[in-house]
Structure formats: structure tokens, C-alpha cells
Amino acid sequence: MSAISKEACPTETALDLIGGKWKGMILFYLCSDTQRFSELMRLIPDITQRMLTKQLRDLEASGIVYREVYPQVPPKVEYSLTGLGKTLEPVIRELEKWGKGYLQAL
């Protein structure tokens, strides 16, 4: 993720943080519930393990996603939205609604 300045366009900032092919889908599934890495892999079958890891790290670095590692064997890692990330839920739901309308209009 690039450094964001306070003078940046707010819309561009939001799209930079959550835009791209995979982040929207990841956030969509995290809006519903906490997810394990393997569950996200199952829910998003076209994403590679490497790309999912990168996108989750980006979202975590942005303060949108929280990663919890449980000290057990085998390791258990869960991802959830932070307080800041939860503020994105209405945005994600509206994007879902808009996308459905768009697809119907095609």
C-alpha cells in the first residue's frame, strides 16, 4: 500500500484501500463473520494462496482487518474486521446492491 497524505482525494483514498480484484470480496465475506484463512480460500476459489495472503496483509496494515493467531498445533489464524473496518460494511452492502442492479440492467 502506498503512503496516503492528508491532502489526498478521499474517494481515491477509499478506492486505494479497498479497490482491486480481491479486497472487495474479502471484505464482503468478513462483513458476515470472522473467517479462517482456509475458509476464505474456499469462498474465493479463484484467488491464489499468495494473493490472499498479500491482500489480507494490506488490509491489516491499513487497519481494516484484524488477524488473530491462536497458539496451537496446527496453527489457527482468523481474520475479522476492526472497528474501522466495520464502518465499511454499509459501503460494501451498497456496492453489492448497486452491482446487482447493474447486472440486471445489462
Protein backbone atom coordinates (compact mmCIF):
# COMPACT_ATOMS: atom_id res chain seq x y z
CA MET A 1 0.00 0.00 0.00
CA SER A 2 1.26 3.45 -0.83
CA ALA A 3 1.61 6.23 1.70
CA ILE A 4 -1.52 8.34 1.92
CA SER A 5 -1.33 12.07 2.53
CA LYS A 6 -3.99 14.16 4.28
CA GLU A 7 -4.34 16.18 1.06
CA ALA A 8 -5.32 13.11 -0.96
CA CYS A 9 -8.77 12.88 -2.54
CA PRO A 10 -11.00 10.99 -0.06
CA THR A 11 -12.65 8.92 -2.80
CA GLU A 12 -9.29 7.97 -4.27
CA THR A 13 -8.05 7.08 -0.80
CA ALA A 14 -11.04 4.78 -0.17
CA LEU A 15 -10.68 3.09 -3.55
CA ASP A 16 -6.93 2.68 -2.99
CA LEU A 17 -7.57 0.95 0.34
CA ILE A 18 -10.41 -1.37 -0.71
CA GLY A 19 -10.17 -1.48 -4.50
CA GLY A 20 -8.82 -4.19 -6.72
CA LYS A 21 -10.00 -7.60 -7.77
CA TRP A 22 -9.92 -9.33 -4.38
CA LYS A 23 -10.22 -6.87 -1.49
CA GLY A 24 -13.91 -6.23 -2.07
CA MET A 25 -14.67 -9.95 -1.97
CA ILE A 26 -12.56 -10.45 1.14
CA LEU A 27 -14.32 -7.57 2.89
CA PHE A 28 -17.72 -8.86 1.76
CA TYR A 29 -17.11 -12.21 3.46
CA LEU A 30 -15.61 -10.62 6.56
CA CYS A 31 -18.70 -8.40 6.92
CA SER A 32 -20.70 -11.55 7.58
CA ASP A 33 -18.39 -13.18 10.11
CA THR A 34 -14.86 -13.87 11.27
CA GLN A 35 -13.19 -16.20 8.77
CA ARG A 36 -10.25 -18.56 8.87
CA PHE A 37 -7.71 -18.34 6.06
CA SER A 38 -8.78 -21.72 4.66
CA GLU A 39 -12.42 -20.63 4.68
CA LEU A 40 -11.59 -17.51 2.68
CA MET A 41 -9.70 -19.73 0.21
CA ARG A 42 -12.83 -21.87 -0.14
CA LEU A 43 -15.15 -18.88 -0.50
CA ILE A 44 -12.93 -17.25 -3.15
CA PRO A 45 -11.81 -20.24 -5.23
CA ASP A 46 -10.03 -18.24 -7.97
CA ILE A 47 -7.62 -16.47 -5.60
CA THR A 48 -4.18 -17.94 -5.01
CA GLN A 49 -2.85 -18.51 -1.50
CA ARG A 50 -0.10 -15.98 -2.16
CA MET A 51 -2.55 -13.31 -3.35
CA LEU A 52 -4.93 -13.88 -0.44
CA THR A 53 -2.03 -13.53 1.98
CA LYS A 54 -0.92 -10.29 0.30
CA GLN A 55 -4.40 -8.78 0.24
CA LEU A 56 -5.04 -9.68 3.89
CA ARG A 57 -1.69 -8.17 4.89
CA ASP A 58 -2.54 -4.96 3.00
CA LEU A 59 -5.92 -4.74 4.72
CA GLU A 60 -4.32 -5.47 8.08
CA ALA A 61 -1.65 -2.78 7.52
CA SER A 62 -4.45 -0.33 6.68
CA GLY A 63 -6.15 -1.05 9.99
CA ILE A 64 -9.23 -2.54 8.31
CA VAL A 65 -8.67 -6.23 9.12
CA TYR A 66 -7.55 -7.85 12.36
CA ARG A 67 -5.52 -11.06 12.30
CA GLU A 68 -5.65 -13.33 15.34
CA VAL A 69 -3.23 -16.23 15.67
CA TYR A 70 -4.09 -18.95 18.16
CA PRO A 71 -1.10 -20.72 19.74
CA GLN A 72 -1.94 -24.31 18.86
CA VAL A 73 -0.79 -27.06 16.56
CA PRO A 74 -1.66 -26.84 13.74
CA PRO A 75 -1.76 -23.04 13.88
CA LYS A 76 -5.18 -21.43 13.69
CA VAL A 77 -5.47 -17.94 12.19
CA GLU A 78 -8.70 -15.96 11.99
CA TYR A 79 -9.46 -12.69 10.25
CA SER A 80 -12.12 -10.19 11.21
CA LEU A 81 -12.93 -6.56 10.63
CA THR A 82 -11.54 -3.99 13.04
CA GLY A 83 -13.77 -1.23 14.38
CA LEU A 84 -12.65 0.90 11.45
CA GLY A 85 -13.25 -1.99 9.07
CA LYS A 86 -16.80 -2.43 10.37
CA THR A 87 -17.58 1.12 9.26
CA LEU A 88 -17.11 -0.17 5.70
CA GLU A 89 -19.98 -2.64 5.99
CA PRO A 90 -22.70 -0.21 4.79
CA VAL A 91 -20.45 0.75 1.87
CA ILE A 92 -19.85 -2.90 0.94
CA ARG A 93 -23.58 -3.67 1.21
CA GLU A 94 -24.46 -0.67 -1.02
CA LEU A 95 -21.86 -1.77 -3.58
CA GLU A 96 -23.45 -5.23 -3.54
CA LYS A 97 -26.88 -3.70 -4.08
CA TRP A 98 -25.61 -1.44 -6.87
CA GLY A 99 -23.83 -4.36 -8.55
CA LYS A 100 -26.99 -6.48 -8.53
CA GLY A 101 -28.94 -3.62 -10.11
CA TYR A 102 -26.24 -3.10 -12.70
CA LEU A 103 -26.21 -6.77 -13.65
CA GLN A 104 -29.99 -6.77 -14.00
CA ALA A 105 -29.81 -3.68 -16.22
CA LEU A 106 -27.41 -5.39 -18.64
